[in-house]
Amino acid sequence: MVKDERPRQHGNESTSTKAYSSINRYVPIDARFGARVRDLRKERQWTQLYMATHLGIDRSHISDVERGRKSMTLSLIAVVALGFEISVSELLDHL
């Protein structure tokens, strides 16, 4: 039996917060970034459709990013940060 040596997380962190937490480096960066985008979108009570329309990004692309299936270009990351009214560094913080 192989022992799981990944760090355990405790506390009141949401599942998606765990995905992009600086503690959990075992989750691929695309999944951590997607969780971060999803959390920011939900904090603002935006639907994927509203976000897509507001930022000029295809809704299916947002869905794929949030699920960690697709990446965003640096240009799109800048658009998302601007739309959320945060800096790119804040958007990428703790990935």
PDB file of N, CA and C in Angstrom:
ATOM      1  N   MET A   1       0.855  -1.181   0.000  1.00  0.00           N
ATOM      2  CA  MET A   1       0.000   0.000   0.000  1.00  0.00           C
ATOM      3  C   MET A   1       0.895   1.237   0.000  1.00  0.00           C
ATOM      4  N   VAL A   2       0.614   2.168  -0.898  1.00  0.00           N
ATOM      5  CA  VAL A   2       1.395   3.383  -1.017  1.00  0.00           C
ATOM      6  C   VAL A   2       0.772   4.463  -0.153  1.00  0.00           C
ATOM      7  N   LYS A   3       1.595   5.097   0.655  1.00  0.00           N
ATOM      8  CA  LYS A   3       1.113   6.153   1.538  1.00  0.00           C
ATOM      9  C   LYS A   3       0.935   7.447   0.747  1.00  0.00           C
ATOM     10  N   ASP A   4      -0.201   8.114   0.947  1.00  0.00           N
ATOM     11  CA  ASP A   4      -0.468   9.401   0.309  1.00  0.00           C
ATOM     12  C   ASP A   4       0.248  10.476   1.116  1.00  0.00           C
ATOM     13  N   GLU A   5       1.275  11.093   0.520  1.00  0.00           N
ATOM     14  CA  GLU A   5       2.069  12.069   1.242  1.00  0.00           C
ATOM     15  C   GLU A   5       1.692  13.506   0.909  1.00  0.00           C
ATOM     16  N   ARG A   6       0.571  13.697   0.231  1.00  0.00           N
ATOM     17  CA  ARG A   6       0.136  15.057  -0.058  1.00  0.00           C
ATOM     18  C   ARG A   6      -0.297  15.733   1.231  1.00  0.00           C
ATOM     19  N   PRO A   7      -0.059  17.050   1.362  1.00  0.00           N
ATOM     20  CA  PRO A   7      -0.463  17.751   2.573  1.00  0.00           C
ATOM     21  C   PRO A   7      -1.979  17.772   2.714  1.00  0.00           C
ATOM     22  N   ARG A   8      -2.452  17.609   3.912  1.00  0.00           N
ATOM     23  CA  ARG A   8      -3.886  17.656   4.199  1.00  0.00           C
ATOM     24  C   ARG A   8      -4.278  19.096   4.488  1.00  0.00           C
ATOM     25  N   GLN A   9      -5.489  19.468   4.078  1.00  0.00           N
ATOM     26  CA  GLN A   9      -5.971  20.815   4.342  1.00  0.00           C
ATOM     27  C   GLN A   9      -7.104  20.741   5.335  1.00  0.00           C
ATOM     28  N   HIS A  10      -7.103  21.688   6.225  1.00  0.00           N
ATOM     29  CA  HIS A  10      -8.125  21.736   7.266  1.00  0.00           C
ATOM     30  C   HIS A  10      -8.753  23.120   7.252  1.00  0.00           C
ATOM     31  N   GLY A  11      -9.805  23.285   7.987  1.00  0.00           N
ATOM     32  CA  GLY A  11     -10.428  24.594   8.086  1.00  0.00           C
ATOM     33  C   GLY A  11     -11.681  24.685   7.251  1.00  0.00           C
ATOM     34  N   ASN A  12     -12.119  25.904   7.035  1.00  0.00           N
ATOM     35  CA  ASN A  12     -13.379  26.159   6.358  1.00  0.00           C
ATOM     36  C   ASN A  12     -13.196  26.567   4.904  1.00  0.00           C
ATOM     37  N   GLU A  13     -12.149  26.099   4.254  1.00  0.00           N
ATOM     38  CA  GLU A  13     -11.917  26.438   2.858  1.00  0.00           C
ATOM     39  C   GLU A  13     -12.928  25.713   1.975  1.00  0.00           C
ATOM     40  N   SER A  14     -13.409  26.417   0.959  1.00  0.00           N
ATOM     41  CA  SER A  14     -14.317  25.774   0.015  1.00  0.00           C
ATOM     42  C   SER A  14     -13.524  24.799  -0.846  1.00  0.00           C
ATOM     43  N   THR A  15     -14.230  23.903  -1.509  1.00  0.00           N
ATOM     44  CA  THR A  15     -13.571  22.931  -2.380  1.00  0.00           C
ATOM     45  C   THR A  15     -12.776  23.630  -3.466  1.00  0.00           C
ATOM     46  N   SER A  16     -13.360  24.657  -4.083  1.00  0.00           N
ATOM     47  CA  SER A  16     -12.645  25.342  -5.152  1.00  0.00           C
ATOM     48  C   SER A  16     -11.467  26.140  -4.625  1.00  0.00           C
ATOM     49  N   THR A  17     -11.568  26.668  -3.411  1.00  0.00           N
ATOM     50  CA  THR A  17     -10.435  27.376  -2.817  1.00  0.00           C
ATOM     51  C   THR A  17      -9.274  26.416  -2.640  1.00  0.00           C
ATOM     52  N   LYS A  18      -9.557  25.187  -2.249  1.00  0.00           N
ATOM     53  CA  LYS A  18      -8.505  24.192  -2.102  1.00  0.00           C
ATOM     54  C   LYS A  18      -7.799  23.942  -3.422  1.00  0.00           C
ATOM     55  N   ALA A  19      -8.553  24.044  -4.524  1.00  0.00           N
ATOM     56  CA  ALA A  19      -7.979  23.760  -5.833  1.00  0.00           C
ATOM     57  C   ALA A  19      -6.904  24.759  -6.210  1.00  0.00           C
ATOM     58  N   TYR A  20      -7.038  26.028  -5.794  1.00  0.00           N
ATOM     59  CA  TYR A  20      -6.014  26.992  -6.167  1.00  0.00           C
ATOM     60  C   TYR A  20      -5.183  27.468  -4.988  1.00  0.00           C
ATOM     61  N   SER A  21      -5.328  26.808  -3.860  1.00  0.00           N
ATOM     62  CA  SER A  21      -4.549  27.158  -2.683  1.00  0.00           C
ATOM     63  C   SER A  21      -3.065  26.966  -2.939  1.00  0.00           C
ATOM     64  N   SER A  22      -2.264  27.838  -2.357  1.00  0.00           N
ATOM     65  CA  SER A  22      -0.815  27.718  -2.516  1.00  0.00           C
ATOM     66  C   SER A  22      -0.298  26.444  -1.858  1.00  0.00           C
ATOM     67  N   ILE A  23      -1.090  25.841  -0.994  1.00  0.00           N
ATOM     68  CA  ILE A  23      -0.680  24.610  -0.325  1.00  0.00           C
ATOM     69  C   ILE A  23      -0.765  23.426  -1.275  1.00  0.00           C
ATOM     70  N   ASN A  24      -1.775  23.408  -2.150  1.00  0.00           N
ATOM     71  CA  ASN A  24      -2.032  22.234  -2.973  1.00  0.00           C
ATOM     72  C   ASN A  24      -1.415  22.350  -4.361  1.00  0.00           C
ATOM     73  N   ARG A  25      -0.161  21.981  -4.464  1.00  0.00           N
ATOM     74  CA  ARG A  25       0.550  22.030  -5.742  1.00  0.00           C
ATOM     75  C   ARG A  25       0.345  20.770  -6.569  1.00  0.00           C
ATOM     76  N   TYR A  26      -0.431  19.829  -6.079  1.00  0.00           N
ATOM     77  CA  TYR A  26      -0.678  18.594  -6.809  1.00  0.00           C
ATOM     78  C   TYR A  26      -1.782  18.760  -7.844  1.00  0.00           C
ATOM     79  N   VAL A  27      -2.557  19.824  -7.730  1.00  0.00           N
ATOM     80  CA  VAL A  27      -3.627  20.100  -8.687  1.00  0.00           C
ATOM     81  C   VAL A  27      -3.015  20.906  -9.836  1.00  0.00           C
ATOM     82  N   PRO A  28      -3.261  20.519 -11.094  1.00  0.00           N
ATOM     83  CA  PRO A  28      -2.694  21.248 -12.228  1.00  0.00           C
ATOM     84  C   PRO A  28      -3.064  22.732 -12.197  1.00  0.00           C
ATOM     85  N   ILE A  29      -2.158  23.571 -12.687  1.00  0.00           N
ATOM     86  CA  ILE A  29      -2.385  25.019 -12.637  1.00  0.00           C
ATOM     87  C   ILE A  29      -3.633  25.430 -13.403  1.00  0.00           C
ATOM     88  N   ASP A  30      -3.974  24.743 -14.486  1.00  0.00           N
ATOM     89  CA  ASP A  30      -5.197  25.077 -15.221  1.00  0.00           C
ATOM     90  C   ASP A  30      -6.429  24.890 -14.341  1.00  0.00           C
ATOM     91  N   ALA A  31      -6.440  23.844 -13.531  1.00  0.00           N
ATOM     92  CA  ALA A  31      -7.569  23.591 -12.626  1.00  0.00           C
ATOM     93  C   ALA A  31      -7.606  24.635 -11.507  1.00  0.00           C
ATOM     94  N   ARG A  32      -6.444  25.001 -10.985  1.00  0.00           N
ATOM     95  CA  ARG A  32      -6.389  26.018  -9.924  1.00  0.00           C
ATOM     96  C   ARG A  32      -6.843  27.370 -10.466  1.00  0.00           C
ATOM     97  N   PHE A  33      -6.382  27.716 -11.680  1.00  0.00           N
ATOM     98  CA  PHE A  33      -6.801  28.982 -12.283  1.00  0.00           C
ATOM     99  C   PHE A  33      -8.304  28.971 -12.556  1.00  0.00           C
ATOM    100  N   GLY A  34      -8.815  27.877 -13.077  1.00  0.00           N
ATOM    101  CA  GLY A  34     -10.249  27.774 -13.349  1.00  0.00           C
ATOM    102  C   GLY A  34     -11.089  27.932 -12.097  1.00  0.00           C
ATOM    103  N   ALA A  35     -10.636  27.330 -10.999  1.00  0.00           N
ATOM    104  CA  ALA A  35     -11.347  27.460  -9.724  1.00  0.00           C
ATOM    105  C   ALA A  35     -11.331  28.915  -9.255  1.00  0.00           C
ATOM    106  N   ARG A  36     -10.216  29.585  -9.465  1.00  0.00           N
ATOM    107  CA  ARG A  36     -10.096  31.000  -9.079  1.00  0.00           C
ATOM    108  C   ARG A  36     -11.074  31.853  -9.894  1.00  0.00           C
ATOM    109  N   VAL A  37     -11.136  31.633 -11.194  1.00  0.00           N
ATOM    110  CA  VAL A  37     -12.062  32.381 -12.050  1.00  0.00           C
ATOM    111  C   VAL A  37     -13.504  32.107 -11.623  1.00  0.00           C
ATOM    112  N   ARG A  38     -13.828  30.838 -11.392  1.00  0.00           N
ATOM    113  CA  ARG A  38     -15.197  30.479 -10.977  1.00  0.00           C
ATOM    114  C   ARG A  38     -15.568  31.166  -9.664  1.00  0.00           C
ATOM    115  N   ASP A  39     -14.649  31.150  -8.688  1.00  0.00           N
ATOM    116  CA  ASP A  39     -14.945  31.780  -7.400  1.00  0.00           C
ATOM    117  C   ASP A  39     -15.161  33.283  -7.538  1.00  0.00           C
ATOM    118  N   LEU A  40     -14.322  33.934  -8.324  1.00  0.00           N
ATOM    119  CA  LEU A  40     -14.482  35.377  -8.523  1.00  0.00           C
ATOM    120  C   LEU A  40     -15.792  35.685  -9.241  1.00  0.00           C
ATOM    121  N   ARG A  41     -16.134  34.857 -10.217  1.00  0.00           N
ATOM    122  CA  ARG A  41     -17.402  35.050 -10.948  1.00  0.00           C
ATOM    123  C   ARG A  41     -18.584  34.889 -10.004  1.00  0.00           C
ATOM    124  N   LYS A  42     -18.548  33.852  -9.180  1.00  0.00           N
ATOM    125  CA  LYS A  42     -19.663  33.600  -8.265  1.00  0.00           C
ATOM    126  C   LYS A  42     -19.750  34.647  -7.159  1.00  0.00           C
ATOM    127  N   GLU A  43     -18.596  35.157  -6.698  1.00  0.00           N
ATOM    128  CA  GLU A  43     -18.604  36.235  -5.703  1.00  0.00           C
ATOM    129  C   GLU A  43     -19.374  37.441  -6.213  1.00  0.00           C
ATOM    130  N   ARG A  44     -19.281  37.679  -7.499  1.00  0.00           N
ATOM    131  CA  ARG A  44     -19.964  38.810  -8.122  1.00  0.00           C
ATOM    132  C   ARG A  44     -21.379  38.442  -8.561  1.00  0.00           C
ATOM    133  N   GLN A  45     -21.749  37.201  -8.324  1.00  0.00           N
ATOM    134  CA  GLN A  45     -23.071  36.672  -8.688  1.00  0.00           C
ATOM    135  C   GLN A  45     -23.323  36.791 -10.193  1.00  0.00           C
ATOM    136  N   TRP A  46     -22.256  36.529 -10.952  1.00  0.00           N
ATOM    137  CA  TRP A  46     -22.357  36.525 -12.409  1.00  0.00           C
ATOM    138  C   TRP A  46     -22.616  35.107 -12.895  1.00  0.00           C
ATOM    139  N   THR A  47     -23.458  34.968 -13.901  1.00  0.00           N
ATOM    140  CA  THR A  47     -23.570  33.692 -14.596  1.00  0.00           C
ATOM    141  C   THR A  47     -22.433  33.632 -15.622  1.00  0.00           C
ATOM    142  N   GLN A  48     -22.185  32.449 -16.136  1.00  0.00           N
ATOM    143  CA  GLN A  48     -21.193  32.335 -17.198  1.00  0.00           C
ATOM    144  C   GLN A  48     -21.623  33.146 -18.420  1.00  0.00           C
ATOM    145  N   LEU A  49     -22.913  33.166 -18.693  1.00  0.00           N
ATOM    146  CA  LEU A  49     -23.423  33.925 -19.833  1.00  0.00           C
ATOM    147  C   LEU A  49     -23.190  35.421 -19.636  1.00  0.00           C
ATOM    148  N   TYR A  50     -23.460  35.919 -18.422  1.00  0.00           N
ATOM    149  CA  TYR A  50     -23.220  37.341 -18.163  1.00  0.00           C
ATOM    150  C   TYR A  50     -21.735  37.659 -18.307  1.00  0.00           C
ATOM    151  N   MET A  51     -20.887  36.823 -17.732  1.00  0.00           N
ATOM    152  CA  MET A  51     -19.446  37.049 -17.816  1.00  0.00           C
ATOM    153  C   MET A  51     -18.990  37.055 -19.268  1.00  0.00           C
ATOM    154  N   ALA A  52     -19.492  36.117 -20.035  1.00  0.00           N
ATOM    155  CA  ALA A  52     -19.127  36.025 -21.451  1.00  0.00           C
ATOM    156  C   ALA A  52     -19.517  37.293 -22.198  1.00  0.00           C
ATOM    157  N   THR A  53     -20.717  37.750 -21.974  1.00  0.00           N
ATOM    158  CA  THR A  53     -21.200  38.957 -22.637  1.00  0.00           C
ATOM    159  C   THR A  53     -20.436  40.188 -22.161  1.00  0.00           C
ATOM    160  N   HIS A  54     -20.240  40.279 -20.851  1.00  0.00           N
ATOM    161  CA  HIS A  54     -19.564  41.425 -20.230  1.00  0.00           C
ATOM    162  C   HIS A  54     -18.109  41.547 -20.681  1.00  0.00           C
ATOM    163  N   LEU A  55     -17.431  40.407 -20.833  1.00  0.00           N
ATOM    164  CA  LEU A  55     -16.008  40.424 -21.152  1.00  0.00           C
ATOM    165  C   LEU A  55     -15.704  40.117 -22.619  1.00  0.00           C
ATOM    166  N   GLY A  56     -16.708  39.706 -23.378  1.00  0.00           N
ATOM    167  CA  GLY A  56     -16.482  39.400 -24.783  1.00  0.00           C
ATOM    168  C   GLY A  56     -15.733  38.091 -25.003  1.00  0.00           C
ATOM    169  N   ILE A  57     -15.992  37.125 -24.121  1.00  0.00           N
ATOM    170  CA  ILE A  57     -15.363  35.804 -24.206  1.00  0.00           C
ATOM    171  C   ILE A  57     -16.480  34.783 -24.424  1.00  0.00           C
ATOM    172  N   ASP A  58     -16.256  33.810 -25.259  1.00  0.00           N
ATOM    173  CA  ASP A  58     -17.261  32.784 -25.505  1.00  0.00           C
ATOM    174  C   ASP A  58     -17.605  32.040 -24.220  1.00  0.00           C
ATOM    175  N   ARG A  59     -18.901  31.846 -23.958  1.00  0.00           N
ATOM    176  CA  ARG A  59     -19.347  31.190 -22.730  1.00  0.00           C
ATOM    177  C   ARG A  59     -18.772  29.783 -22.589  1.00  0.00           C
ATOM    178  N   SER A  60     -18.698  29.055 -23.681  1.00  0.00           N
ATOM    179  CA  SER A  60     -18.172  27.689 -23.595  1.00  0.00           C
ATOM    180  C   SER A  60     -16.685  27.691 -23.233  1.00  0.00           C
ATOM    181  N   HIS A  61     -15.965  28.739 -23.662  1.00  0.00           N
ATOM    182  CA  HIS A  61     -14.552  28.842 -23.293  1.00  0.00           C
ATOM    183  C   HIS A  61     -14.423  29.092 -21.790  1.00  0.00           C
ATOM    184  N   ILE A  62     -15.280  29.947 -21.245  1.00  0.00           N
ATOM    185  CA  ILE A  62     -15.274  30.201 -19.799  1.00  0.00           C
ATOM    186  C   ILE A  62     -15.560  28.911 -19.047  1.00  0.00           C
ATOM    187  N   SER A  63     -16.538  28.155 -19.513  1.00  0.00           N
ATOM    188  CA  SER A  63     -16.871  26.883 -18.883  1.00  0.00           C
ATOM    189  C   SER A  63     -15.676  25.936 -18.900  1.00  0.00           C
ATOM    190  N   ASP A  64     -15.026  25.826 -20.044  1.00  0.00           N
ATOM    191  CA  ASP A  64     -13.865  24.939 -20.164  1.00  0.00           C
ATOM    192  C   ASP A  64     -12.707  25.398 -19.274  1.00  0.00           C
ATOM    193  N   VAL A  65     -12.505  26.710 -19.169  1.00  0.00           N
ATOM    194  CA  VAL A  65     -11.446  27.242 -18.296  1.00  0.00           C
ATOM    195  C   VAL A  65     -11.768  26.906 -16.844  1.00  0.00           C
ATOM    196  N   GLU A  66     -13.003  27.138 -16.429  1.00  0.00           N
ATOM    197  CA  GLU A  66     -13.395  26.871 -15.046  1.00  0.00           C
ATOM    198  C   GLU A  66     -13.243  25.401 -14.679  1.00  0.00           C
ATOM    199  N   ARG A  67     -13.396  24.519 -15.644  1.00  0.00           N
ATOM    200  CA  ARG A  67     -13.237  23.084 -15.384  1.00  0.00           C
ATOM    201  C   ARG A  67     -11.805  22.613 -15.587  1.00  0.00           C
ATOM    202  N   GLY A  68     -10.898  23.535 -15.923  1.00  0.00           N
ATOM    203  CA  GLY A  68      -9.499  23.188 -16.100  1.00  0.00           C
ATOM    204  C   GLY A  68      -9.200  22.472 -17.400  1.00  0.00           C
ATOM    205  N   ARG A  69     -10.125  22.538 -18.349  1.00  0.00           N
ATOM    206  CA  ARG A  69      -9.952  21.845 -19.630  1.00  0.00           C
ATOM    207  C   ARG A  69      -9.249  22.686 -20.681  1.00  0.00           C
ATOM    208  N   LYS A  70      -9.292  24.009 -20.512  1.00  0.00           N
ATOM    209  CA  LYS A  70      -8.631  24.912 -21.447  1.00  0.00           C
ATOM    210  C   LYS A  70      -7.875  25.971 -20.669  1.00  0.00           C
ATOM    211  N   SER A  71      -6.876  26.533 -21.325  1.00  0.00           N
ATOM    212  CA  SER A  71      -6.093  27.620 -20.750  1.00  0.00           C
ATOM    213  C   SER A  71      -6.534  28.934 -21.374  1.00  0.00           C
ATOM    214  N   MET A  72      -6.105  30.018 -20.759  1.00  0.00           N
ATOM    215  CA  MET A  72      -6.343  31.342 -21.317  1.00  0.00           C
ATOM    216  C   MET A  72      -5.012  31.931 -21.749  1.00  0.00           C
ATOM    217  N   THR A  73      -5.066  32.700 -22.813  1.00  0.00           N
ATOM    218  CA  THR A  73      -3.879  33.429 -23.231  1.00  0.00           C
ATOM    219  C   THR A  73      -3.646  34.567 -22.243  1.00  0.00           C
ATOM    220  N   LEU A  74      -2.457  35.131 -22.290  1.00  0.00           N
ATOM    221  CA  LEU A  74      -2.145  36.263 -21.431  1.00  0.00           C
ATOM    222  C   LEU A  74      -3.094  37.425 -21.708  1.00  0.00           C
ATOM    223  N   SER A  75      -3.441  37.616 -22.966  1.00  0.00           N
ATOM    224  CA  SER A  75      -4.384  38.693 -23.331  1.00  0.00           C
ATOM    225  C   SER A  75      -5.740  38.484 -22.673  1.00  0.00           C
ATOM    226  N   LEU A  76      -6.245  37.246 -22.691  1.00  0.00           N
ATOM    227  CA  LEU A  76      -7.537  36.961 -22.058  1.00  0.00           C
ATOM    228  C   LEU A  76      -7.458  37.068 -20.544  1.00  0.00           C
ATOM    229  N   ILE A  77      -6.327  36.673 -19.973  1.00  0.00           N
ATOM    230  CA  ILE A  77      -6.144  36.823 -18.520  1.00  0.00           C
ATOM    231  C   ILE A  77      -6.246  38.304 -18.149  1.00  0.00           C
ATOM    232  N   ALA A  78      -5.646  39.169 -18.958  1.00  0.00           N
ATOM    233  CA  ALA A  78      -5.719  40.613 -18.712  1.00  0.00           C
ATOM    234  C   ALA A  78      -7.157  41.118 -18.824  1.00  0.00           C
ATOM    235  N   VAL A  79      -7.912  40.613 -19.805  1.00  0.00           N
ATOM    236  CA  VAL A  79      -9.315  41.003 -19.977  1.00  0.00           C
ATOM    237  C   VAL A  79     -10.135  40.576 -18.759  1.00  0.00           C
ATOM    238  N   VAL A  80      -9.912  39.359 -18.288  1.00  0.00           N
ATOM    239  CA  VAL A  80     -10.644  38.847 -17.122  1.00  0.00           C
ATOM    240  C   VAL A  80     -10.321  39.680 -15.884  1.00  0.00           C
ATOM    241  N   ALA A  81      -9.051  39.964 -15.660  1.00  0.00           N
ATOM    242  CA  ALA A  81      -8.651  40.775 -14.510  1.00  0.00           C
ATOM    243  C   ALA A  81      -9.316  42.155 -14.573  1.00  0.00           C
ATOM    244  N   LEU A  82      -9.297  42.771 -15.744  1.00  0.00           N
ATOM    245  CA  LEU A  82      -9.924  44.075 -15.927  1.00  0.00           C
ATOM    246  C   LEU A  82     -11.424  43.992 -15.647  1.00  0.00           C
ATOM    247  N   GLY A  83     -12.063  42.935 -16.145  1.00  0.00           N
ATOM    248  CA  GLY A  83     -13.494  42.750 -15.917  1.00  0.00           C
ATOM    249  C   GLY A  83     -13.838  42.567 -14.453  1.00  0.00           C
ATOM    250  N   PHE A  84     -12.979  41.876 -13.726  1.00  0.00           N
ATOM    251  CA  PHE A  84     -13.191  41.674 -12.286  1.00  0.00           C
ATOM    252  C   PHE A  84     -12.709  42.872 -11.462  1.00  0.00           C
ATOM    253  N   GLU A  85     -12.113  43.848 -12.144  1.00  0.00           N
ATOM    254  CA  GLU A  85     -11.577  45.060 -11.509  1.00  0.00           C
ATOM    255  C   GLU A  85     -10.496  44.723 -10.484  1.00  0.00           C
ATOM    256  N   ILE A  86      -9.612  43.813 -10.883  1.00  0.00           N
ATOM    257  CA  ILE A  86      -8.449  43.469 -10.074  1.00  0.00           C
ATOM    258  C   ILE A  86      -7.234  43.438 -10.999  1.00  0.00           C
ATOM    259  N   SER A  87      -6.059  43.421 -10.405  1.00  0.00           N
ATOM    260  CA  SER A  87      -4.845  43.349 -11.226  1.00  0.00           C
ATOM    261  C   SER A  87      -4.614  41.908 -11.673  1.00  0.00           C
ATOM    262  N   VAL A  88      -3.807  41.761 -12.703  1.00  0.00           N
ATOM    263  CA  VAL A  88      -3.438  40.427 -13.168  1.00  0.00           C
ATOM    264  C   VAL A  88      -2.751  39.670 -12.040  1.00  0.00           C
ATOM    265  N   SER A  89      -1.887  40.342 -11.283  1.00  0.00           N
ATOM    266  CA  SER A  89      -1.197  39.659 -10.187  1.00  0.00           C
ATOM    267  C   SER A  89      -2.167  39.183  -9.119  1.00  0.00           C
ATOM    268  N   GLU A  90      -3.236  39.950  -8.857  1.00  0.00           N
ATOM    269  CA  GLU A  90      -4.257  39.493  -7.900  1.00  0.00           C
ATOM    270  C   GLU A  90      -5.006  38.284  -8.441  1.00  0.00           C
ATOM    271  N   LEU A  91      -5.273  38.287  -9.734  1.00  0.00           N
ATOM    272  CA  LEU A  91      -5.971  37.153 -10.346  1.00  0.00           C
ATOM    273  C   LEU A  91      -5.131  35.880 -10.255  1.00  0.00           C
ATOM    274  N   LEU A  92      -3.824  36.030 -10.426  1.00  0.00           N
ATOM    275  CA  LEU A  92      -2.940  34.877 -10.426  1.00  0.00           C
ATOM    276  C   LEU A  92      -2.376  34.542  -9.052  1.00  0.00           C
ATOM    277  N   ASP A  93      -2.702  35.351  -8.051  1.00  0.00           N
ATOM    278  CA  ASP A  93      -2.165  35.149  -6.707  1.00  0.00           C
ATOM    279  C   ASP A  93      -2.535  33.768  -6.165  1.00  0.00           C
ATOM    280  N   HIS A  94      -1.591  33.126  -5.557  1.00  0.00           N
ATOM    281  CA  HIS A  94      -1.734  31.809  -4.894  1.00  0.00           C
ATOM    282  C   HIS A  94      -1.943  30.639  -5.849  1.00  0.00           C
ATOM    283  N   LEU A  95      -1.615  30.805  -7.112  1.00  0.00           N
ATOM    284  CA  LEU A  95      -1.730  29.667  -8.029  1.00  0.00           C
ATOM    285  C   LEU A  95      -0.512  28.792  -7.871  1.00  0.00           C
TER     286      LEU A  95
END
